[in-house]
PDB file of N, CA and C in Angstrom:
ATOM      1  N   MET A   1       3.863  -5.350   9.590  1.00  0.00           N
ATOM      2  CA  MET A   1       3.802  -3.965  10.007  1.00  0.00           C
ATOM      3  C   MET A   1       3.474  -3.934  11.495  1.00  0.00           C
ATOM      4  N   ASP A   2       4.161  -3.114  12.204  1.00  0.00           N
ATOM      5  CA  ASP A   2       3.937  -3.034  13.646  1.00  0.00           C
ATOM      6  C   ASP A   2       2.928  -1.937  13.987  1.00  0.00           C
ATOM      7  N   CYS A   3       1.737  -2.092  13.475  1.00  0.00           N
ATOM      8  CA  CYS A   3       0.638  -1.170  13.767  1.00  0.00           C
ATOM      9  C   CYS A   3      -0.490  -2.015  14.348  1.00  0.00           C
ATOM     10  N   GLU A   4      -0.966  -1.653  15.502  1.00  0.00           N
ATOM     11  CA  GLU A   4      -1.929  -2.506  16.202  1.00  0.00           C
ATOM     12  C   GLU A   4      -3.254  -2.670  15.476  1.00  0.00           C
ATOM     13  N   TYR A   5      -3.565  -1.807  14.523  1.00  0.00           N
ATOM     14  CA  TYR A   5      -4.840  -1.903  13.820  1.00  0.00           C
ATOM     15  C   TYR A   5      -4.742  -2.686  12.512  1.00  0.00           C
ATOM     16  N   VAL A   6      -3.553  -3.214  12.182  1.00  0.00           N
ATOM     17  CA  VAL A   6      -3.369  -3.999  10.964  1.00  0.00           C
ATOM     18  C   VAL A   6      -3.435  -5.476  11.306  1.00  0.00           C
ATOM     19  N   GLN A   7      -4.369  -6.172  10.678  1.00  0.00           N
ATOM     20  CA  GLN A   7      -4.487  -7.616  10.870  1.00  0.00           C
ATOM     21  C   GLN A   7      -3.622  -8.352   9.864  1.00  0.00           C
ATOM     22  N   SER A   8      -3.667  -7.932   8.574  1.00  0.00           N
ATOM     23  CA  SER A   8      -2.908  -8.587   7.511  1.00  0.00           C
ATOM     24  C   SER A   8      -2.543  -7.598   6.421  1.00  0.00           C
ATOM     25  N   LEU A   9      -1.422  -7.869   5.750  1.00  0.00           N
ATOM     26  CA  LEU A   9      -0.978  -7.103   4.586  1.00  0.00           C
ATOM     27  C   LEU A   9      -0.836  -8.054   3.415  1.00  0.00           C
ATOM     28  N   TYR A  10      -1.225  -7.614   2.216  1.00  0.00           N
ATOM     29  CA  TYR A  10      -1.099  -8.428   1.014  1.00  0.00           C
ATOM     30  C   TYR A  10      -0.503  -7.575  -0.097  1.00  0.00           C
ATOM     31  N   SER A  11       0.481  -8.101  -0.807  1.00  0.00           N
ATOM     32  CA  SER A  11       1.078  -7.401  -1.939  1.00  0.00           C
ATOM     33  C   SER A  11       0.640  -8.083  -3.231  1.00  0.00           C
ATOM     34  N   PHE A  12       0.231  -7.278  -4.205  1.00  0.00           N
ATOM     35  CA  PHE A  12      -0.143  -7.805  -5.512  1.00  0.00           C
ATOM     36  C   PHE A  12       0.889  -7.407  -6.569  1.00  0.00           C
ATOM     37  N   SER A  13       1.996  -6.810  -6.154  1.00  0.00           N
ATOM     38  CA  SER A  13       2.967  -6.268  -7.103  1.00  0.00           C
ATOM     39  C   SER A  13       4.144  -7.209  -7.325  1.00  0.00           C
ATOM     40  N   LYS A  14       4.853  -6.928  -8.420  1.00  0.00           N
ATOM     41  CA  LYS A  14       6.077  -7.661  -8.761  1.00  0.00           C
ATOM     42  C   LYS A  14       7.231  -6.665  -8.731  1.00  0.00           C
ATOM     43  N   ALA A  15       8.438  -7.145  -8.609  1.00  0.00           N
ATOM     44  CA  ALA A  15       9.607  -6.270  -8.572  1.00  0.00           C
ATOM     45  C   ALA A  15       9.664  -5.416  -9.838  1.00  0.00           C
ATOM     46  N   LEU A  16       9.954  -4.129  -9.671  1.00  0.00           N
ATOM     47  CA  LEU A  16      10.079  -3.146 -10.752  1.00  0.00           C
ATOM     48  C   LEU A  16       8.826  -3.006 -11.610  1.00  0.00           C
ATOM     49  N   GLN A  17       7.698  -3.371 -11.078  1.00  0.00           N
ATOM     50  CA  GLN A  17       6.440  -3.240 -11.817  1.00  0.00           C
ATOM     51  C   GLN A  17       6.042  -1.776 -11.900  1.00  0.00           C
ATOM     52  N   LEU A  18       5.635  -1.335 -13.087  1.00  0.00           N
ATOM     53  CA  LEU A  18       5.215   0.040 -13.299  1.00  0.00           C
ATOM     54  C   LEU A  18       3.702   0.123 -13.183  1.00  0.00           C
ATOM     55  N   TYR A  19       3.232   1.112 -12.441  1.00  0.00           N
ATOM     56  CA  TYR A  19       1.800   1.329 -12.283  1.00  0.00           C
ATOM     57  C   TYR A  19       1.425   2.635 -12.974  1.00  0.00           C
ATOM     58  N   PRO A  20       0.595   2.560 -14.000  1.00  0.00           N
ATOM     59  CA  PRO A  20       0.270   3.765 -14.762  1.00  0.00           C
ATOM     60  C   PRO A  20      -0.650   4.732 -14.011  1.00  0.00           C
ATOM     61  N   GLY A  21      -1.203   4.340 -12.898  1.00  0.00           N
ATOM     62  CA  GLY A  21      -2.062   5.227 -12.135  1.00  0.00           C
ATOM     63  C   GLY A  21      -3.441   5.405 -12.748  1.00  0.00           C
ATOM     64  N   ARG A  22      -3.957   4.354 -13.343  1.00  0.00           N
ATOM     65  CA  ARG A  22      -5.267   4.417 -13.986  1.00  0.00           C
ATOM     66  C   ARG A  22      -6.345   4.667 -12.946  1.00  0.00           C
ATOM     67  N   ARG A  23      -7.171   5.649 -13.215  1.00  0.00           N
ATOM     68  CA  ARG A  23      -8.301   5.927 -12.327  1.00  0.00           C
ATOM     69  C   ARG A  23      -9.407   4.925 -12.598  1.00  0.00           C
ATOM     70  N   ILE A  24     -10.153   4.584 -11.556  1.00  0.00           N
ATOM     71  CA  ILE A  24     -11.305   3.713 -11.746  1.00  0.00           C
ATOM     72  C   ILE A  24     -12.568   4.560 -11.699  1.00  0.00           C
ATOM     73  N   SER A  25     -13.556   4.131 -12.460  1.00  0.00           N
ATOM     74  CA  SER A  25     -14.813   4.886 -12.515  1.00  0.00           C
ATOM     75  C   SER A  25     -15.645   4.620 -11.266  1.00  0.00           C
ATOM     76  N   LYS A  26     -16.683   5.424 -11.094  1.00  0.00           N
ATOM     77  CA  LYS A  26     -17.567   5.249  -9.939  1.00  0.00           C
ATOM     78  C   LYS A  26     -18.193   3.856  -9.941  1.00  0.00           C
ATOM     79  N   SER A  27     -18.603   3.360 -11.114  1.00  0.00           N
ATOM     80  CA  SER A  27     -19.209   2.028 -11.168  1.00  0.00           C
ATOM     81  C   SER A  27     -18.184   0.948 -10.824  1.00  0.00           C
ATOM     82  N   GLU A  28     -16.926   1.142 -11.244  1.00  0.00           N
ATOM     83  CA  GLU A  28     -15.874   0.175 -10.900  1.00  0.00           C
ATOM     84  C   GLU A  28     -15.550   0.220  -9.415  1.00  0.00           C
ATOM     85  N   SER A  29     -15.706   1.387  -8.786  1.00  0.00           N
ATOM     86  CA  SER A  29     -15.362   1.521  -7.371  1.00  0.00           C
ATOM     87  C   SER A  29     -16.319   0.745  -6.473  1.00  0.00           C
ATOM     88  N   GLU A  30     -17.419   0.306  -7.030  1.00  0.00           N
ATOM     89  CA  GLU A  30     -18.381  -0.491  -6.264  1.00  0.00           C
ATOM     90  C   GLU A  30     -18.177  -1.991  -6.480  1.00  0.00           C
ATOM     91  N   ASP A  31     -17.172  -2.345  -7.288  1.00  0.00           N
ATOM     92  CA  ASP A  31     -16.893  -3.747  -7.601  1.00  0.00           C
ATOM     93  C   ASP A  31     -15.542  -4.125  -6.967  1.00  0.00           C
ATOM     94  N   LEU A  32     -15.577  -4.874  -5.876  1.00  0.00           N
ATOM     95  CA  LEU A  32     -14.363  -5.224  -5.139  1.00  0.00           C
ATOM     96  C   LEU A  32     -13.329  -5.911  -6.025  1.00  0.00           C
ATOM     97  N   CYS A  33     -13.759  -6.776  -6.921  1.00  0.00           N
ATOM     98  CA  CYS A  33     -12.832  -7.476  -7.811  1.00  0.00           C
ATOM     99  C   CYS A  33     -12.078  -6.479  -8.692  1.00  0.00           C
ATOM    100  N   LYS A  34     -12.762  -5.488  -9.243  1.00  0.00           N
ATOM    101  CA  LYS A  34     -12.110  -4.476 -10.089  1.00  0.00           C
ATOM    102  C   LYS A  34     -11.155  -3.612  -9.270  1.00  0.00           C
ATOM    103  N   ILE A  35     -11.559  -3.306  -8.046  1.00  0.00           N
ATOM    104  CA  ILE A  35     -10.677  -2.508  -7.187  1.00  0.00           C
ATOM    105  C   ILE A  35      -9.386  -3.278  -6.914  1.00  0.00           C
ATOM    106  N   LEU A  36      -9.494  -4.549  -6.568  1.00  0.00           N
ATOM    107  CA  LEU A  36      -8.306  -5.336  -6.231  1.00  0.00           C
ATOM    108  C   LEU A  36      -7.392  -5.555  -7.430  1.00  0.00           C
ATOM    109  N   THR A  37      -7.954  -5.696  -8.648  1.00  0.00           N
ATOM    110  CA  THR A  37      -7.105  -5.879  -9.826  1.00  0.00           C
ATOM    111  C   THR A  37      -6.396  -4.595 -10.218  1.00  0.00           C
ATOM    112  N   SER A  38      -6.835  -3.450  -9.713  1.00  0.00           N
ATOM    113  CA  SER A  38      -6.182  -2.164  -9.982  1.00  0.00           C
ATOM    114  C   SER A  38      -5.279  -1.739  -8.828  1.00  0.00           C
ATOM    115  N   SER A  39      -5.132  -2.579  -7.820  1.00  0.00           N
ATOM    116  CA  SER A  39      -4.409  -2.200  -6.600  1.00  0.00           C
ATOM    117  C   SER A  39      -3.024  -2.823  -6.538  1.00  0.00           C
ATOM    118  N   VAL A  40      -2.115  -2.165  -5.817  1.00  0.00           N
ATOM    119  CA  VAL A  40      -0.779  -2.715  -5.591  1.00  0.00           C
ATOM    120  C   VAL A  40      -0.757  -3.651  -4.395  1.00  0.00           C
ATOM    121  N   GLY A  41      -1.787  -3.571  -3.562  1.00  0.00           N
ATOM    122  CA  GLY A  41      -1.851  -4.420  -2.386  1.00  0.00           C
ATOM    123  C   GLY A  41      -3.091  -4.106  -1.574  1.00  0.00           C
ATOM    124  N   ALA A  42      -3.191  -4.754  -0.439  1.00  0.00           N
ATOM    125  CA  ALA A  42      -4.361  -4.556   0.415  1.00  0.00           C
ATOM    126  C   ALA A  42      -3.943  -4.674   1.879  1.00  0.00           C
ATOM    127  N   VAL A  43      -4.688  -3.982   2.707  1.00  0.00           N
ATOM    128  CA  VAL A  43      -4.482  -4.023   4.156  1.00  0.00           C
ATOM    129  C   VAL A  43      -5.819  -4.378   4.793  1.00  0.00           C
ATOM    130  N   ILE A  44      -5.814  -5.380   5.646  1.00  0.00           N
ATOM    131  CA  ILE A  44      -7.016  -5.725   6.400  1.00  0.00           C
ATOM    132  C   ILE A  44      -6.834  -5.182   7.807  1.00  0.00           C
ATOM    133  N   LEU A  45      -7.765  -4.313   8.201  1.00  0.00           N
ATOM    134  CA  LEU A  45      -7.691  -3.684   9.520  1.00  0.00           C
ATOM    135  C   LEU A  45      -8.543  -4.451  10.513  1.00  0.00           C
ATOM    136  N   THR A  46      -8.172  -4.350  11.770  1.00  0.00           N
ATOM    137  CA  THR A  46      -8.957  -4.937  12.850  1.00  0.00           C
ATOM    138  C   THR A  46      -9.272  -3.840  13.861  1.00  0.00           C
ATOM    139  N   PRO A  47     -10.521  -3.701  14.286  1.00  0.00           N
ATOM    140  CA  PRO A  47     -10.881  -2.615  15.191  1.00  0.00           C
ATOM    141  C   PRO A  47     -10.318  -2.741  16.608  1.00  0.00           C
ATOM    142  N   LYS A  48      -9.884  -3.890  17.045  1.00  0.00           N
ATOM    143  CA  LYS A  48      -9.260  -4.124  18.366  1.00  0.00           C
ATOM    144  C   LYS A  48      -9.743  -3.183  19.465  1.00  0.00           C
ATOM    145  N   GLY A  49     -10.935  -3.396  19.938  1.00  0.00           N
ATOM    146  CA  GLY A  49     -11.440  -2.642  21.073  1.00  0.00           C
ATOM    147  C   GLY A  49     -12.016  -1.281  20.745  1.00  0.00           C
ATOM    148  N   LEU A  50     -12.030  -0.898  19.468  1.00  0.00           N
ATOM    149  CA  LEU A  50     -12.619   0.391  19.104  1.00  0.00           C
ATOM    150  C   LEU A  50     -14.118   0.239  18.927  1.00  0.00           C
ATOM    151  N   ALA A  51     -14.837   1.302  19.155  1.00  0.00           N
ATOM    152  CA  ALA A  51     -16.301   1.254  19.050  1.00  0.00           C
ATOM    153  C   ALA A  51     -16.753   1.032  17.615  1.00  0.00           C
ATOM    154  N   VAL A  52     -16.073   1.649  16.646  1.00  0.00           N
ATOM    155  CA  VAL A  52     -16.467   1.508  15.242  1.00  0.00           C
ATOM    156  C   VAL A  52     -15.250   1.260  14.366  1.00  0.00           C
ATOM    157  N   ALA A  53     -15.458   0.508  13.283  1.00  0.00           N
ATOM    158  CA  ALA A  53     -14.361   0.177  12.371  1.00  0.00           C
ATOM    159  C   ALA A  53     -13.770   1.425  11.716  1.00  0.00           C
ATOM    160  N   GLU A  54     -14.576   2.470  11.529  1.00  0.00           N
ATOM    161  CA  GLU A  54     -14.072   3.703  10.918  1.00  0.00           C
ATOM    162  C   GLU A  54     -12.968   4.322  11.759  1.00  0.00           C
ATOM    163  N   ASP A  55     -13.006   4.111  13.071  1.00  0.00           N
ATOM    164  CA  ASP A  55     -11.948   4.622  13.940  1.00  0.00           C
ATOM    165  C   ASP A  55     -10.619   3.954  13.604  1.00  0.00           C
ATOM    166  N   ALA A  56     -10.640   2.654  13.337  1.00  0.00           N
ATOM    167  CA  ALA A  56      -9.420   1.937  12.960  1.00  0.00           C
ATOM    168  C   ALA A  56      -8.889   2.488  11.645  1.00  0.00           C
ATOM    169  N   ASP A  57      -9.778   2.769  10.701  1.00  0.00           N
ATOM    170  CA  ASP A  57      -9.369   3.327   9.416  1.00  0.00           C
ATOM    171  C   ASP A  57      -8.711   4.687   9.601  1.00  0.00           C
ATOM    172  N   ALA A  58      -9.314   5.549  10.405  1.00  0.00           N
ATOM    173  CA  ALA A  58      -8.763   6.890  10.639  1.00  0.00           C
ATOM    174  C   ALA A  58      -7.407   6.803  11.348  1.00  0.00           C
ATOM    175  N   LEU A  59      -7.284   5.943  12.342  1.00  0.00           N
ATOM    176  CA  LEU A  59      -6.018   5.792  13.057  1.00  0.00           C
ATOM    177  C   LEU A  59      -4.934   5.207  12.161  1.00  0.00           C
ATOM    178  N   PHE A  60      -5.304   4.249  11.320  1.00  0.00           N
ATOM    179  CA  PHE A  60      -4.348   3.665  10.382  1.00  0.00           C
ATOM    180  C   PHE A  60      -3.880   4.715   9.382  1.00  0.00           C
ATOM    181  N   HIS A  61      -4.802   5.516   8.854  1.00  0.00           N
ATOM    182  CA  HIS A  61      -4.442   6.566   7.908  1.00  0.00           C
ATOM    183  C   HIS A  61      -3.477   7.559   8.564  1.00  0.00           C
ATOM    184  N   ALA A  62      -3.746   7.958   9.783  1.00  0.00           N
ATOM    185  CA  ALA A  62      -2.861   8.875  10.501  1.00  0.00           C
ATOM    186  C   ALA A  62      -1.476   8.257  10.688  1.00  0.00           C
ATOM    187  N   GLU A  63      -1.428   6.967  10.975  1.00  0.00           N
ATOM    188  CA  GLU A  63      -0.147   6.268  11.138  1.00  0.00           C
ATOM    189  C   GLU A  63       0.633   6.247   9.829  1.00  0.00           C
ATOM    190  N   LEU A  64      -0.056   6.017   8.709  1.00  0.00           N
ATOM    191  CA  LEU A  64       0.609   6.042   7.403  1.00  0.00           C
ATOM    192  C   LEU A  64       1.186   7.416   7.093  1.00  0.00           C
ATOM    193  N   VAL A  65       0.419   8.452   7.356  1.00  0.00           N
ATOM    194  CA  VAL A  65       0.897   9.817   7.112  1.00  0.00           C
ATOM    195  C   VAL A  65       2.145  10.094   7.948  1.00  0.00           C
ATOM    196  N   ASN A  66       2.164   9.637   9.199  1.00  0.00           N
ATOM    197  CA  ASN A  66       3.335   9.837  10.064  1.00  0.00           C
ATOM    198  C   ASN A  66       4.556   9.084   9.556  1.00  0.00           C
ATOM    199  N   ARG A  67       4.358   7.890   9.017  1.00  0.00           N
ATOM    200  CA  ARG A  67       5.491   7.056   8.598  1.00  0.00           C
ATOM    201  C   ARG A  67       5.977   7.361   7.193  1.00  0.00           C
ATOM    202  N   LEU A  68       5.080   7.728   6.298  1.00  0.00           N
ATOM    203  CA  LEU A  68       5.452   7.963   4.903  1.00  0.00           C
ATOM    204  C   LEU A  68       5.535   9.460   4.641  1.00  0.00           C
ATOM    205  N   SER A  69       6.620  10.065   5.069  1.00  0.00           N
ATOM    206  CA  SER A  69       6.756  11.508   4.959  1.00  0.00           C
ATOM    207  C   SER A  69       7.341  11.948   3.620  1.00  0.00           C
ATOM    208  N   ILE A  70       7.621  11.002   2.716  1.00  0.00           N
ATOM    209  CA  ILE A  70       8.128  11.354   1.390  1.00  0.00           C
ATOM    210  C   ILE A  70       7.139  10.858   0.340  1.00  0.00           C
ATOM    211  N   PRO A  71       7.099  11.498  -0.842  1.00  0.00           N
ATOM    212  CA  PRO A  71       6.166  11.047  -1.877  1.00  0.00           C
ATOM    213  C   PRO A  71       6.604   9.696  -2.455  1.00  0.00           C
ATOM    214  N   TRP A  72       5.715   8.733  -2.457  1.00  0.00           N
ATOM    215  CA  TRP A  72       6.032   7.392  -2.942  1.00  0.00           C
ATOM    216  C   TRP A  72       5.560   7.146  -4.359  1.00  0.00           C
ATOM    217  N   VAL A  73       4.796   8.065  -4.908  1.00  0.00           N
ATOM    218  CA  VAL A  73       4.297   7.901  -6.268  1.00  0.00           C
ATOM    219  C   VAL A  73       5.107   8.811  -7.178  1.00  0.00           C
ATOM    220  N   SER A  74       5.641   8.257  -8.254  1.00  0.00           N
ATOM    221  CA  SER A  74       6.450   9.014  -9.192  1.00  0.00           C
ATOM    222  C   SER A  74       5.821   8.955 -10.570  1.00  0.00           C
ATOM    223  N   GLU A  75       5.881  10.065 -11.305  1.00  0.00           N
ATOM    224  CA  GLU A  75       5.343  10.076 -12.660  1.00  0.00           C
ATOM    225  C   GLU A  75       6.262   9.362 -13.635  1.00  0.00           C
ATOM    226  N   ASN A  76       7.529   9.206 -13.279  1.00  0.00           N
ATOM    227  CA  ASN A  76       8.512   8.560 -14.164  1.00  0.00           C
ATOM    228  C   ASN A  76       9.019   7.276 -13.528  1.00  0.00           C
ATOM    229  N   PRO A  77       9.316   6.266 -14.355  1.00  0.00           N
ATOM    230  CA  PRO A  77       9.878   5.032 -13.788  1.00  0.00           C
ATOM    231  C   PRO A  77      11.231   5.313 -13.121  1.00  0.00           C
ATOM    232  N   ALA A  78      11.507   4.616 -12.054  1.00  0.00           N
ATOM    233  CA  ALA A  78      12.791   4.767 -11.361  1.00  0.00           C
ATOM    234  C   ALA A  78      13.900   4.169 -12.228  1.00  0.00           C
ATOM    235  N   PRO A  79      15.058   4.838 -12.304  1.00  0.00           N
ATOM    236  CA  PRO A  79      16.155   4.281 -13.099  1.00  0.00           C
ATOM    237  C   PRO A  79      16.674   3.000 -12.453  1.00  0.00           C
ATOM    238  N   ARG A  80      17.085   2.067 -13.289  1.00  0.00           N
ATOM    239  CA  ARG A  80      17.641   0.814 -12.770  1.00  0.00           C
ATOM    240  C   ARG A  80      19.021   1.079 -12.196  1.00  0.00           C
ATOM    241  N   LYS A  81      19.351   0.410 -11.126  1.00  0.00           N
ATOM    242  CA  LYS A  81      20.648   0.563 -10.471  1.00  0.00           C
ATOM    243  C   LYS A  81      21.217  -0.823 -10.223  1.00  0.00           C
ATOM    244  N   THR A  82      22.522  -0.882 -10.144  1.00  0.00           N
ATOM    245  CA  THR A  82      23.199  -2.150  -9.893  1.00  0.00           C
ATOM    246  C   THR A  82      23.833  -2.106  -8.505  1.00  0.00           C
ATOM    247  N   LEU A  83      23.659  -3.175  -7.771  1.00  0.00           N
ATOM    248  CA  LEU A  83      24.244  -3.302  -6.447  1.00  0.00           C
ATOM    249  C   LEU A  83      25.201  -4.478  -6.468  1.00  0.00           C
ATOM    250  N   ALA A  84      26.430  -4.241  -6.091  1.00  0.00           N
ATOM    251  CA  ALA A  84      27.415  -5.318  -6.018  1.00  0.00           C
ATOM    252  C   ALA A  84      27.785  -5.541  -4.561  1.00  0.00           C
ATOM    253  N   ILE A  85      27.754  -6.775  -4.134  1.00  0.00           N
ATOM    254  CA  ILE A  85      28.128  -7.109  -2.769  1.00  0.00           C
ATOM    255  C   ILE A  85      29.437  -7.900  -2.851  1.00  0.00           C
ATOM    256  N   VAL A  86      30.477  -7.356  -2.246  1.00  0.00           N
ATOM    257  CA  VAL A  86      31.798  -7.992  -2.285  1.00  0.00           C
ATOM    258  C   VAL A  86      32.139  -8.413  -0.867  1.00  0.00           C
ATOM    259  N   GLU A  87      32.447  -9.670  -0.715  1.00  0.00           N
ATOM    260  CA  GLU A  87      32.805 -10.180   0.613  1.00  0.00           C
ATOM    261  C   GLU A  87      34.305 -10.055   0.799  1.00  0.00           C
ATOM    262  N   GLY A  88      34.677  -9.412   1.891  1.00  0.00           N
ATOM    263  CA  GLY A  88      36.101  -9.244   2.192  1.00  0.00           C
ATOM    264  C   GLY A  88      36.642 -10.480   2.928  1.00  0.00           C
ATOM    265  N   GLY A  89      37.894 -10.748   2.764  1.00  0.00           N
ATOM    266  CA  GLY A  89      38.446 -11.936   3.383  1.00  0.00           C
ATOM    267  C   GLY A  89      39.521 -11.646   4.260  1.00  0.00           C
TER     268      GLY A  89
END
């Protein structure tokens, strides 16, 4: 990702994996292991010259809102589609 506040990106998902959107409880939200097992991925931010790490979080969130202008979460699974690539000669 070409965002200056992102140090690393990690994906925990598989192709066509369905996420039921299970909410985690307050007690689970304090357990990093439980949070990561319920997540599709993780982003590690770097403050790069900012006074506080929260500034990097706020700037990253604003960048995501600017880039993801369409809803990415769907209540229904996406229909499967077939793509054929034909090489012309």
